[in-house]
Amino acid sequence: MSVFDDKKWLTEVFADSGSVFGLAITRKLDEVQSPFQKIAMYETSHFGNLMVIDDVIMLSSRDNFLYHEMLSHPVLFTHPNPKNVVIIGGGDCGTLREVLKHPGVETVTQIDIDEQVTRMAEKYFPELCASNNDPRATLQFADGIKFMREAPTESVDVIIVDSTDPIGPGEGLFNRAFYASCLQALRAGGILVQQSESPLIHMPLLSAMRQAMSDAGFAALQTLNFPQMVYPSGWWTCTLARKGAAFNGFREADAQQAPFATEYYNVDIHKAASALPNFMRKALEAS
């Protein structure tokens, strides 16, 4: 925390990129040390409530819809008929809420290792937890890596990995062994999607993730771009990996006629998100 222009600022330093991001803080709301990590909640002057885990910004009231919508709707409208969905991580429950907007989804199982993330979200981001009691949803607080390793073969249509950065509890969610477990659990044509960091400052990680997905046996990959102001560089991605089939567009008519409201996602955004700038094309072709 530092003081600038008579405001208190919470700052996150991104040493590897020589940059820093900050938000003006009105007050600290809460803090808890779970068995896995420190979770702190703040009230900001312009971005609503803010969740910080181990001093890393996770989400704000103002801009979390960008991430949650882009991690959910593109993959669900790309799969031809998603009925059974697994979310690994996602303890704030925003992704769960977005997935449950799709009436064709029959079951969603969310596995997050840290129950305290969900309890804090229920208290300070209740709007994200509005669908937690949906009868289609099951919340488990357990090891997502172990869950996927033990999941029945060909039992899932879509796997969404809504993870923290590849450090601490999230470290094991970015390697070939985990992706191989996901591939085995997916039905033919099933899709895995994972948040894949910033292409501007995390390109080696993004390239390594895609290589590990390919090495695990996924037949086709697609990386989507979207803005996310509170994350390093303000530019984020998610990467889709399909089992046994190339990507061939998405269910555009269904997305156009979606029976629910979104704040960011729409058909044009879906199309635009898949366009890669030249430096990304070059880096990913070389990996």
C-alpha atoms as a PDB file:
ATOM      1  CA  MET A   1       0.000   0.000   0.000  1.00  0.00           C
ATOM      2  CA  SER A   2       1.307   3.431  -0.863  1.00  0.00           C
ATOM      3  CA  VAL A   3       0.003   7.015  -0.594  1.00  0.00           C
ATOM      4  CA  PHE A   4      -0.326   9.212  -3.695  1.00  0.00           C
ATOM      5  CA  ASP A   5      -2.411  12.375  -4.073  1.00  0.00           C
ATOM      6  CA  ASP A   6      -3.930  11.810  -0.616  1.00  0.00           C
ATOM      7  CA  LYS A   7      -5.365   8.433  -1.655  1.00  0.00           C
ATOM      8  CA  LYS A   8      -4.465   4.977  -0.446  1.00  0.00           C
ATOM      9  CA  TRP A   9      -3.427   2.757  -3.319  1.00  0.00           C
ATOM     10  CA  LEU A  10      -3.203  -0.994  -3.505  1.00  0.00           C
ATOM     11  CA  THR A  11      -0.494  -1.775  -6.028  1.00  0.00           C
ATOM     12  CA  GLU A  12       0.559  -5.006  -7.685  1.00  0.00           C
ATOM     13  CA  VAL A  13       4.068  -5.067  -9.150  1.00  0.00           C
ATOM     14  CA  PHE A  14       4.694  -7.174 -12.254  1.00  0.00           C
ATOM     15  CA  ALA A  15       8.448  -7.464 -11.937  1.00  0.00           C
ATOM     16  CA  ASP A  16       8.951  -9.582 -15.063  1.00  0.00           C
ATOM     17  CA  SER A  17       7.433  -6.856 -17.245  1.00  0.00           C
ATOM     18  CA  GLY A  18       8.725  -3.858 -15.332  1.00  0.00           C
ATOM     19  CA  SER A  19       5.214  -2.578 -14.713  1.00  0.00           C
ATOM     20  CA  VAL A  20       2.793  -1.947 -11.895  1.00  0.00           C
ATOM     21  CA  PHE A  21      -0.984  -1.662 -11.547  1.00  0.00           C
ATOM     22  CA  GLY A  22      -2.869   0.120  -8.782  1.00  0.00           C
ATOM     23  CA  LEU A  23      -6.373   0.869  -7.540  1.00  0.00           C
ATOM     24  CA  ALA A  24      -7.477   3.524  -5.082  1.00  0.00           C
ATOM     25  CA  ILE A  25      -8.667   1.842  -1.883  1.00  0.00           C
ATOM     26  CA  THR A  26     -11.361   3.219   0.405  1.00  0.00           C
ATOM     27  CA  ARG A  27     -10.958   0.586   3.138  1.00  0.00           C
ATOM     28  CA  LYS A  28     -10.017  -2.986   3.861  1.00  0.00           C
ATOM     29  CA  LEU A  29     -13.110  -5.123   4.327  1.00  0.00           C
ATOM     30  CA  ASP A  30     -11.795  -8.484   5.451  1.00  0.00           C
ATOM     31  CA  GLU A  31      -8.893 -10.914   5.416  1.00  0.00           C
ATOM     32  CA  VAL A  32      -8.605 -14.633   6.057  1.00  0.00           C
ATOM     33  CA  GLN A  33      -5.692 -17.043   5.929  1.00  0.00           C
ATOM     34  CA  SER A  34      -6.910 -20.367   4.582  1.00  0.00           C
ATOM     35  CA  PRO A  35      -4.810 -23.554   4.616  1.00  0.00           C
ATOM     36  CA  PHE A  36      -3.779 -22.644   1.060  1.00  0.00           C
ATOM     37  CA  GLN A  37      -3.535 -18.867   0.693  1.00  0.00           C
ATOM     38  CA  LYS A  38      -4.283 -15.422   2.100  1.00  0.00           C
ATOM     39  CA  ILE A  39      -7.548 -13.914   0.827  1.00  0.00           C
ATOM     40  CA  ALA A  40      -8.125 -10.181   1.345  1.00  0.00           C
ATOM     41  CA  MET A  41     -11.121  -8.049   0.407  1.00  0.00           C
ATOM     42  CA  TYR A  42     -11.059  -4.299  -0.219  1.00  0.00           C
ATOM     43  CA  GLU A  43     -13.495  -1.559  -1.092  1.00  0.00           C
ATOM     44  CA  THR A  44     -12.197   0.604  -3.932  1.00  0.00           C
ATOM     45  CA  SER A  45     -13.103   4.127  -4.955  1.00  0.00           C
ATOM     46  CA  HIS A  46     -14.141   3.255  -8.540  1.00  0.00           C
ATOM     47  CA  PHE A  47     -14.055  -0.524  -9.044  1.00  0.00           C
ATOM     48  CA  GLY A  48     -16.374  -1.743  -6.299  1.00  0.00           C
ATOM     49  CA  ASN A  49     -15.153  -4.609  -4.167  1.00  0.00           C
ATOM     50  CA  LEU A  50     -11.804  -6.220  -4.856  1.00  0.00           C
ATOM     51  CA  MET A  51     -10.525  -9.723  -4.070  1.00  0.00           C
ATOM     52  CA  VAL A  52      -6.786 -10.182  -3.632  1.00  0.00           C
ATOM     53  CA  ILE A  53      -5.176 -13.600  -3.087  1.00  0.00           C
ATOM     54  CA  ASP A  54      -1.601 -13.769  -1.831  1.00  0.00           C
ATOM     55  CA  ASP A  55      -1.232 -10.100  -2.819  1.00  0.00           C
ATOM     56  CA  VAL A  56      -2.331 -10.805  -6.414  1.00  0.00           C
ATOM     57  CA  ILE A  57      -5.493  -9.128  -7.734  1.00  0.00           C
ATOM     58  CA  MET A  58      -8.174 -11.693  -8.609  1.00  0.00           C
ATOM     59  CA  LEU A  59     -11.316  -9.731  -9.483  1.00  0.00           C
ATOM     60  CA  SER A  60     -13.230  -6.518  -9.031  1.00  0.00           C
ATOM     61  CA  SER A  61     -16.947  -5.777  -9.089  1.00  0.00           C
ATOM     62  CA  ARG A  62     -16.502  -3.468 -12.071  1.00  0.00           C
ATOM     63  CA  ASP A  63     -14.744  -5.617 -14.650  1.00  0.00           C
ATOM     64  CA  ASN A  64     -15.087  -9.298 -13.669  1.00  0.00           C
ATOM     65  CA  PHE A  65     -17.850  -9.803 -16.266  1.00  0.00           C
ATOM     66  CA  LEU A  66     -15.247  -9.645 -19.045  1.00  0.00           C
ATOM     67  CA  TYR A  67     -13.355 -12.661 -17.741  1.00  0.00           C
ATOM     68  CA  HIS A  68     -16.325 -14.730 -16.607  1.00  0.00           C
ATOM     69  CA  GLU A  69     -18.257 -14.282 -19.845  1.00  0.00           C
ATOM     70  CA  MET A  70     -15.290 -15.015 -22.107  1.00  0.00           C
ATOM     71  CA  LEU A  71     -14.304 -18.109 -20.152  1.00  0.00           C
ATOM     72  CA  SER A  72     -17.854 -19.469 -20.412  1.00  0.00           C
ATOM     73  CA  HIS A  73     -19.870 -18.473 -23.469  1.00  0.00           C
ATOM     74  CA  PRO A  74     -17.373 -18.955 -26.326  1.00  0.00           C
ATOM     75  CA  VAL A  75     -16.658 -22.550 -25.330  1.00  0.00           C
ATOM     76  CA  LEU A  76     -20.305 -23.395 -24.675  1.00  0.00           C
ATOM     77  CA  PHE A  77     -21.397 -21.978 -28.030  1.00  0.00           C
ATOM     78  CA  THR A  78     -18.487 -23.721 -29.785  1.00  0.00           C
ATOM     79  CA  HIS A  79     -19.436 -27.159 -28.457  1.00  0.00           C
ATOM     80  CA  PRO A  80     -22.388 -28.567 -30.468  1.00  0.00           C
ATOM     81  CA  ASN A  81     -24.436 -29.670 -27.441  1.00  0.00           C
ATOM     82  CA  PRO A  82     -22.823 -29.161 -24.024  1.00  0.00           C
ATOM     83  CA  LYS A  83     -24.719 -30.963 -21.293  1.00  0.00           C
ATOM     84  CA  ASN A  84     -22.144 -31.915 -18.650  1.00  0.00           C
ATOM     85  CA  VAL A  85     -19.657 -29.235 -17.579  1.00  0.00           C
ATOM     86  CA  VAL A  86     -16.814 -29.327 -15.065  1.00  0.00           C
ATOM     87  CA  ILE A  87     -15.237 -26.148 -13.675  1.00  0.00           C
ATOM     88  CA  ILE A  88     -11.805 -26.517 -12.081  1.00  0.00           C
ATOM     89  CA  GLY A  89     -11.173 -23.597  -9.739  1.00  0.00           C
ATOM     90  CA  GLY A  90     -13.659 -20.777 -10.126  1.00  0.00           C
ATOM     91  CA  GLY A  91     -14.216 -20.377  -6.396  1.00  0.00           C
ATOM     92  CA  ASP A  92     -15.709 -16.889  -6.787  1.00  0.00           C
ATOM     93  CA  CYS A  93     -18.548 -18.627  -8.720  1.00  0.00           C
ATOM     94  CA  GLY A  94     -18.809 -16.034 -11.485  1.00  0.00           C
ATOM     95  CA  THR A  95     -18.004 -18.579 -14.182  1.00  0.00           C
ATOM     96  CA  LEU A  96     -20.511 -20.994 -12.648  1.00  0.00           C
ATOM     97  CA  ARG A  97     -23.213 -18.317 -12.875  1.00  0.00           C
ATOM     98  CA  GLU A  98     -22.481 -17.724 -16.560  1.00  0.00           C
ATOM     99  CA  VAL A  99     -22.456 -21.443 -17.421  1.00  0.00           C
ATOM    100  CA  LEU A 100     -25.811 -21.949 -15.734  1.00  0.00           C
ATOM    101  CA  LYS A 101     -27.371 -19.305 -17.994  1.00  0.00           C
ATOM    102  CA  HIS A 102     -27.328 -21.953 -20.756  1.00  0.00           C
ATOM    103  CA  PRO A 103     -30.601 -23.892 -20.469  1.00  0.00           C
ATOM    104  CA  GLY A 104     -29.202 -26.920 -22.309  1.00  0.00           C
ATOM    105  CA  VAL A 105     -26.563 -27.520 -19.649  1.00  0.00           C
ATOM    106  CA  GLU A 106     -27.765 -30.345 -17.393  1.00  0.00           C
ATOM    107  CA  THR A 107     -24.996 -30.627 -14.775  1.00  0.00           C
ATOM    108  CA  VAL A 108     -22.145 -28.405 -13.636  1.00  0.00           C
ATOM    109  CA  THR A 109     -19.594 -29.658 -11.134  1.00  0.00           C
ATOM    110  CA  GLN A 110     -17.249 -27.021  -9.706  1.00  0.00           C
ATOM    111  CA  ILE A 111     -14.127 -28.163  -7.889  1.00  0.00           C
ATOM    112  CA  ASP A 112     -12.098 -25.553  -6.034  1.00  0.00           C
ATOM    113  CA  ILE A 113      -9.469 -26.515  -3.491  1.00  0.00           C
ATOM    114  CA  ASP A 114     -10.147 -23.550  -1.196  1.00  0.00           C
ATOM    115  CA  GLU A 115     -13.616 -23.211   0.325  1.00  0.00           C
ATOM    116  CA  GLN A 116     -12.709 -19.837   1.797  1.00  0.00           C
ATOM    117  CA  VAL A 117     -12.651 -18.243  -1.664  1.00  0.00           C
ATOM    118  CA  THR A 118     -16.304 -19.156  -2.142  1.00  0.00           C
ATOM    119  CA  ARG A 119     -17.284 -18.069   1.373  1.00  0.00           C
ATOM    120  CA  MET A 120     -15.651 -14.676   0.841  1.00  0.00           C
ATOM    121  CA  ALA A 121     -17.328 -14.337  -2.561  1.00  0.00           C
ATOM    122  CA  GLU A 122     -20.723 -15.135  -1.027  1.00  0.00           C
ATOM    123  CA  LYS A 123     -20.164 -12.286   1.420  1.00  0.00           C
ATOM    124  CA  TYR A 124     -18.601  -9.626  -0.806  1.00  0.00           C
ATOM    125  CA  PHE A 125     -19.648 -10.654  -4.351  1.00  0.00           C
ATOM    126  CA  PRO A 126     -23.145 -12.082  -3.752  1.00  0.00           C
ATOM    127  CA  GLU A 127     -24.154 -11.267  -7.328  1.00  0.00           C
ATOM    128  CA  LEU A 128     -21.601 -13.821  -8.572  1.00  0.00           C
ATOM    129  CA  CYS A 129     -22.990 -16.510  -6.275  1.00  0.00           C
ATOM    130  CA  ALA A 130     -26.637 -15.997  -7.247  1.00  0.00           C
ATOM    131  CA  SER A 131     -26.832 -19.381  -8.999  1.00  0.00           C
ATOM    132  CA  ASN A 132     -24.969 -21.474  -6.419  1.00  0.00           C
ATOM    133  CA  ASN A 133     -28.197 -23.187  -5.344  1.00  0.00           C
ATOM    134  CA  ASP A 134     -29.251 -24.065  -8.888  1.00  0.00           C
ATOM    135  CA  PRO A 135     -30.204 -27.790  -8.776  1.00  0.00           C
ATOM    136  CA  ARG A 136     -27.903 -28.450 -11.736  1.00  0.00           C
ATOM    137  CA  ALA A 137     -24.861 -27.234  -9.794  1.00  0.00           C
ATOM    138  CA  THR A 138     -22.607 -29.192  -7.458  1.00  0.00           C
ATOM    139  CA  LEU A 139     -19.854 -27.403  -5.536  1.00  0.00           C
ATOM    140  CA  GLN A 140     -16.949 -29.487  -4.244  1.00  0.00           C
ATOM    141  CA  PHE A 141     -13.983 -28.228  -2.271  1.00  0.00           C
ATOM    142  CA  ALA A 142     -11.252 -30.601  -3.282  1.00  0.00           C
ATOM    143  CA  ASP A 143      -8.144 -31.042  -5.426  1.00  0.00           C
ATOM    144  CA  GLY A 144      -9.115 -30.416  -9.057  1.00  0.00           C
ATOM    145  CA  ILE A 145      -6.063 -32.261 -10.364  1.00  0.00           C
ATOM    146  CA  LYS A 146      -7.040 -35.395  -8.460  1.00  0.00           C
ATOM    147  CA  PHE A 147     -10.675 -34.988  -9.512  1.00  0.00           C
ATOM    148  CA  MET A 148      -9.774 -34.947 -13.199  1.00  0.00           C
ATOM    149  CA  ARG A 149      -7.330 -37.831 -12.805  1.00  0.00           C
ATOM    150  CA  GLU A 150     -10.110 -39.954 -11.312  1.00  0.00           C
ATOM    151  CA  ALA A 151     -12.967 -38.729 -13.537  1.00  0.00           C
ATOM    152  CA  PRO A 152     -14.748 -41.458 -15.525  1.00  0.00           C
ATOM    153  CA  THR A 153     -13.580 -41.792 -19.106  1.00  0.00           C
ATOM    154  CA  GLU A 154     -15.648 -39.833 -21.642  1.00  0.00           C
ATOM    155  CA  SER A 155     -18.040 -38.428 -19.041  1.00  0.00           C
ATOM    156  CA  VAL A 156     -17.765 -34.666 -19.680  1.00  0.00           C
ATOM    157  CA  ASP A 157     -18.548 -32.333 -22.592  1.00  0.00           C
ATOM    158  CA  VAL A 158     -16.737 -29.176 -21.476  1.00  0.00           C
ATOM    159  CA  ILE A 159     -13.997 -28.546 -18.896  1.00  0.00           C
ATOM    160  CA  ILE A 160     -13.386 -24.947 -17.828  1.00  0.00           C
ATOM    161  CA  VAL A 161     -10.154 -24.300 -15.944  1.00  0.00           C
ATOM    162  CA  ASP A 162     -10.768 -21.041 -14.078  1.00  0.00           C
ATOM    163  CA  SER A 163      -7.463 -21.000 -12.243  1.00  0.00           C
ATOM    164  CA  THR A 164      -5.106 -18.604 -10.573  1.00  0.00           C
ATOM    165  CA  ASP A 165      -1.645 -18.036 -12.034  1.00  0.00           C
ATOM    166  CA  PRO A 166       0.626 -21.122 -12.280  1.00  0.00           C
ATOM    167  CA  ILE A 167       1.986 -20.684  -8.781  1.00  0.00           C
ATOM    168  CA  GLY A 168       0.792 -22.075  -5.454  1.00  0.00           C
ATOM    169  CA  PRO A 169      -2.432 -24.137  -5.665  1.00  0.00           C
ATOM    170  CA  GLY A 170      -2.755 -23.460  -9.410  1.00  0.00           C
ATOM    171  CA  GLU A 171       0.687 -24.658 -10.440  1.00  0.00           C
ATOM    172  CA  GLY A 172      -0.312 -28.211 -11.371  1.00  0.00           C
ATOM    173  CA  LEU A 173      -3.072 -27.065 -13.732  1.00  0.00           C
ATOM    174  CA  PHE A 174      -0.677 -26.020 -16.508  1.00  0.00           C
ATOM    175  CA  ASN A 175       1.093 -29.238 -17.502  1.00  0.00           C
ATOM    176  CA  ARG A 176       0.810 -32.231 -19.823  1.00  0.00           C
ATOM    177  CA  ALA A 177      -0.275 -34.683 -17.107  1.00  0.00           C
ATOM    178  CA  PHE A 178      -3.270 -32.556 -16.146  1.00  0.00           C
ATOM    179  CA  TYR A 179      -4.265 -32.030 -19.771  1.00  0.00           C
ATOM    180  CA  ALA A 180      -4.026 -35.767 -20.404  1.00  0.00           C
ATOM    181  CA  SER A 181      -6.479 -36.368 -17.553  1.00  0.00           C
ATOM    182  CA  CYS A 182      -8.844 -33.800 -19.071  1.00  0.00           C
ATOM    183  CA  LEU A 183      -8.559 -35.396 -22.514  1.00  0.00           C
ATOM    184  CA  GLN A 184      -9.475 -38.792 -21.091  1.00  0.00           C
ATOM    185  CA  ALA A 185     -12.518 -37.393 -19.263  1.00  0.00           C
ATOM    186  CA  LEU A 186     -13.880 -35.571 -22.320  1.00  0.00           C
ATOM    187  CA  ARG A 187     -16.252 -37.170 -24.772  1.00  0.00           C
ATOM    188  CA  ALA A 188     -15.402 -37.106 -28.484  1.00  0.00           C
ATOM    189  CA  GLY A 189     -15.540 -33.486 -29.631  1.00  0.00           C
ATOM    190  CA  GLY A 190     -15.331 -32.255 -26.051  1.00  0.00           C
ATOM    191  CA  ILE A 191     -13.541 -29.005 -25.304  1.00  0.00           C
ATOM    192  CA  LEU A 192     -11.184 -27.854 -22.575  1.00  0.00           C
ATOM    193  CA  VAL A 193     -10.806 -24.113 -22.029  1.00  0.00           C
ATOM    194  CA  GLN A 194      -8.313 -22.482 -19.686  1.00  0.00           C
ATOM    195  CA  GLN A 195      -7.370 -18.925 -18.855  1.00  0.00           C
ATOM    196  CA  SER A 196      -3.998 -18.456 -20.537  1.00  0.00           C
ATOM    197  CA  GLU A 197      -2.572 -15.195 -19.186  1.00  0.00           C
ATOM    198  CA  SER A 198      -1.432 -12.098 -21.110  1.00  0.00           C
ATOM    199  CA  PRO A 199       0.001 -12.513 -24.623  1.00  0.00           C
ATOM    200  CA  LEU A 200       1.940  -9.291 -24.175  1.00  0.00           C
ATOM    201  CA  ILE A 201       3.950 -10.324 -21.130  1.00  0.00           C
ATOM    202  CA  HIS A 202       3.325 -14.077 -20.674  1.00  0.00           C
ATOM    203  CA  MET A 203       3.891 -15.378 -24.207  1.00  0.00           C
ATOM    204  CA  PRO A 204       6.377 -18.094 -23.123  1.00  0.00           C
ATOM    205  CA  LEU A 205       3.758 -19.456 -20.712  1.00  0.00           C
ATOM    206  CA  LEU A 206       0.998 -19.301 -23.335  1.00  0.00           C
ATOM    207  CA  SER A 207       3.197 -21.105 -25.849  1.00  0.00           C
ATOM    208  CA  ALA A 208       4.189 -23.738 -23.293  1.00  0.00           C
ATOM    209  CA  MET A 209       0.545 -24.309 -22.346  1.00  0.00           C
ATOM    210  CA  ARG A 210      -0.466 -24.855 -25.943  1.00  0.00           C
ATOM    211  CA  GLN A 211       2.458 -27.206 -26.501  1.00  0.00           C
ATOM    212  CA  ALA A 212       1.505 -29.221 -23.414  1.00  0.00           C
ATOM    213  CA  MET A 213      -2.095 -29.440 -24.652  1.00  0.00           C
ATOM    214  CA  SER A 214      -0.905 -30.716 -28.012  1.00  0.00           C
ATOM    215  CA  ASP A 215       1.500 -33.166 -26.388  1.00  0.00           C
ATOM    216  CA  ALA A 216      -1.386 -34.517 -24.294  1.00  0.00           C
ATOM    217  CA  GLY A 217      -3.273 -35.354 -27.483  1.00  0.00           C
ATOM    218  CA  PHE A 218      -5.659 -32.467 -28.142  1.00  0.00           C
ATOM    219  CA  ALA A 219      -6.326 -32.196 -31.864  1.00  0.00           C
ATOM    220  CA  ALA A 220      -7.055 -28.471 -32.236  1.00  0.00           C
ATOM    221  CA  LEU A 221      -6.278 -25.297 -30.313  1.00  0.00           C
ATOM    222  CA  GLN A 222      -7.769 -21.814 -30.402  1.00  0.00           C
ATOM    223  CA  THR A 223      -6.702 -18.812 -28.311  1.00  0.00           C
ATOM    224  CA  LEU A 224      -9.167 -15.950 -27.749  1.00  0.00           C
ATOM    225  CA  ASN A 225      -8.314 -12.385 -26.691  1.00  0.00           C
ATOM    226  CA  PHE A 226     -10.228 -10.056 -24.402  1.00  0.00           C
ATOM    227  CA  PRO A 227      -9.556  -6.991 -22.224  1.00  0.00           C
ATOM    228  CA  GLN A 228      -9.162  -7.313 -18.458  1.00  0.00           C
ATOM    229  CA  MET A 229      -8.038  -4.080 -16.847  1.00  0.00           C
ATOM    230  CA  VAL A 230      -7.095  -5.400 -13.400  1.00  0.00           C
ATOM    231  CA  TYR A 231      -4.790  -8.130 -14.782  1.00  0.00           C
ATOM    232  CA  PRO A 232      -1.189  -7.611 -15.939  1.00  0.00           C
ATOM    233  CA  SER A 233      -1.087  -5.485 -19.135  1.00  0.00           C
ATOM    234  CA  GLY A 234      -4.924  -5.259 -19.231  1.00  0.00           C
ATOM    235  CA  TRP A 235      -4.948  -7.841 -22.063  1.00  0.00           C
ATOM    236  CA  TRP A 236      -5.899 -11.443 -21.331  1.00  0.00           C
ATOM    237  CA  THR A 237      -6.571 -14.694 -23.159  1.00  0.00           C
ATOM    238  CA  CYS A 238      -8.228 -18.061 -22.829  1.00  0.00           C
ATOM    239  CA  THR A 239      -7.277 -21.112 -24.873  1.00  0.00           C
ATOM    240  CA  LEU A 240      -9.662 -23.782 -26.154  1.00  0.00           C
ATOM    241  CA  ALA A 241      -8.457 -27.328 -26.875  1.00  0.00           C
ATOM    242  CA  ARG A 242     -10.760 -29.781 -28.665  1.00  0.00           C
ATOM    243  CA  LYS A 243     -10.694 -33.560 -28.512  1.00  0.00           C
ATOM    244  CA  GLY A 244     -10.697 -35.360 -31.836  1.00  0.00           C
ATOM    245  CA  ALA A 245     -11.926 -32.646 -34.201  1.00  0.00           C
ATOM    246  CA  ALA A 246     -10.797 -29.377 -35.729  1.00  0.00           C
ATOM    247  CA  PHE A 247     -12.551 -26.145 -34.820  1.00  0.00           C
ATOM    248  CA  ASN A 248     -15.124 -25.162 -37.416  1.00  0.00           C
ATOM    249  CA  GLY A 249     -16.815 -21.983 -36.275  1.00  0.00           C
ATOM    250  CA  PHE A 250     -19.403 -21.864 -33.505  1.00  0.00           C
ATOM    251  CA  ARG A 251     -23.172 -22.009 -33.091  1.00  0.00           C
ATOM    252  CA  GLU A 252     -23.613 -18.455 -34.292  1.00  0.00           C
ATOM    253  CA  ALA A 253     -27.407 -18.562 -34.605  1.00  0.00           C
ATOM    254  CA  ASP A 254     -27.763 -19.899 -31.056  1.00  0.00           C
ATOM    255  CA  ALA A 255     -25.409 -17.238 -29.720  1.00  0.00           C
ATOM    256  CA  GLN A 256     -27.348 -14.551 -31.592  1.00  0.00           C
ATOM    257  CA  GLN A 257     -30.598 -15.746 -30.019  1.00  0.00           C
ATOM    258  CA  ALA A 258     -29.236 -16.475 -26.548  1.00  0.00           C
ATOM    259  CA  PRO A 259     -32.085 -16.412 -23.993  1.00  0.00           C
ATOM    260  CA  PHE A 260     -30.018 -14.473 -21.470  1.00  0.00           C
ATOM    261  CA  ALA A 261     -28.280 -11.130 -21.149  1.00  0.00           C
ATOM    262  CA  THR A 262     -24.541 -10.513 -21.270  1.00  0.00           C
ATOM    263  CA  GLU A 263     -22.514  -7.378 -20.723  1.00  0.00           C
ATOM    264  CA  TYR A 264     -19.574  -8.117 -23.045  1.00  0.00           C
ATOM    265  CA  TYR A 265     -20.021 -11.315 -25.028  1.00  0.00           C
ATOM    266  CA  ASN A 266     -21.916 -11.337 -28.324  1.00  0.00           C
ATOM    267  CA  VAL A 267     -21.516 -12.889 -31.774  1.00  0.00           C
ATOM    268  CA  ASP A 268     -19.251 -10.128 -33.082  1.00  0.00           C
ATOM    269  CA  ILE A 269     -17.050 -10.269 -29.983  1.00  0.00           C
ATOM    270  CA  HIS A 270     -16.754 -14.054 -30.393  1.00  0.00           C
ATOM    271  CA  LYS A 271     -15.584 -13.656 -33.978  1.00  0.00           C
ATOM    272  CA  ALA A 272     -13.190 -10.814 -33.201  1.00  0.00           C
ATOM    273  CA  ALA A 273     -11.680 -12.558 -30.171  1.00  0.00           C
ATOM    274  CA  SER A 274     -10.191 -15.290 -32.357  1.00  0.00           C
ATOM    275  CA  ALA A 275      -8.250 -12.832 -34.539  1.00  0.00           C
ATOM    276  CA  LEU A 276      -4.582 -12.916 -33.540  1.00  0.00           C
ATOM    277  CA  PRO A 277      -2.113 -10.067 -34.062  1.00  0.00           C
ATOM    278  CA  ASN A 278       0.993 -10.912 -36.073  1.00  0.00           C
ATOM    279  CA  PHE A 279       3.352 -11.187 -33.109  1.00  0.00           C
ATOM    280  CA  MET A 280       1.075 -13.801 -31.527  1.00  0.00           C
ATOM    281  CA  ARG A 281       0.794 -15.744 -34.764  1.00  0.00           C
ATOM    282  CA  LYS A 282       4.564 -15.784 -35.117  1.00  0.00           C
ATOM    283  CA  ALA A 283       5.161 -16.848 -31.515  1.00  0.00           C
ATOM    284  CA  LEU A 284       2.532 -19.590 -31.561  1.00  0.00           C
ATOM    285  CA  GLU A 285       3.621 -20.941 -34.931  1.00  0.00           C
ATOM    286  CA  ALA A 286       7.165 -21.218 -33.587  1.00  0.00           C
ATOM    287  CA  SER A 287       6.093 -23.104 -30.448  1.00  0.00           C
END
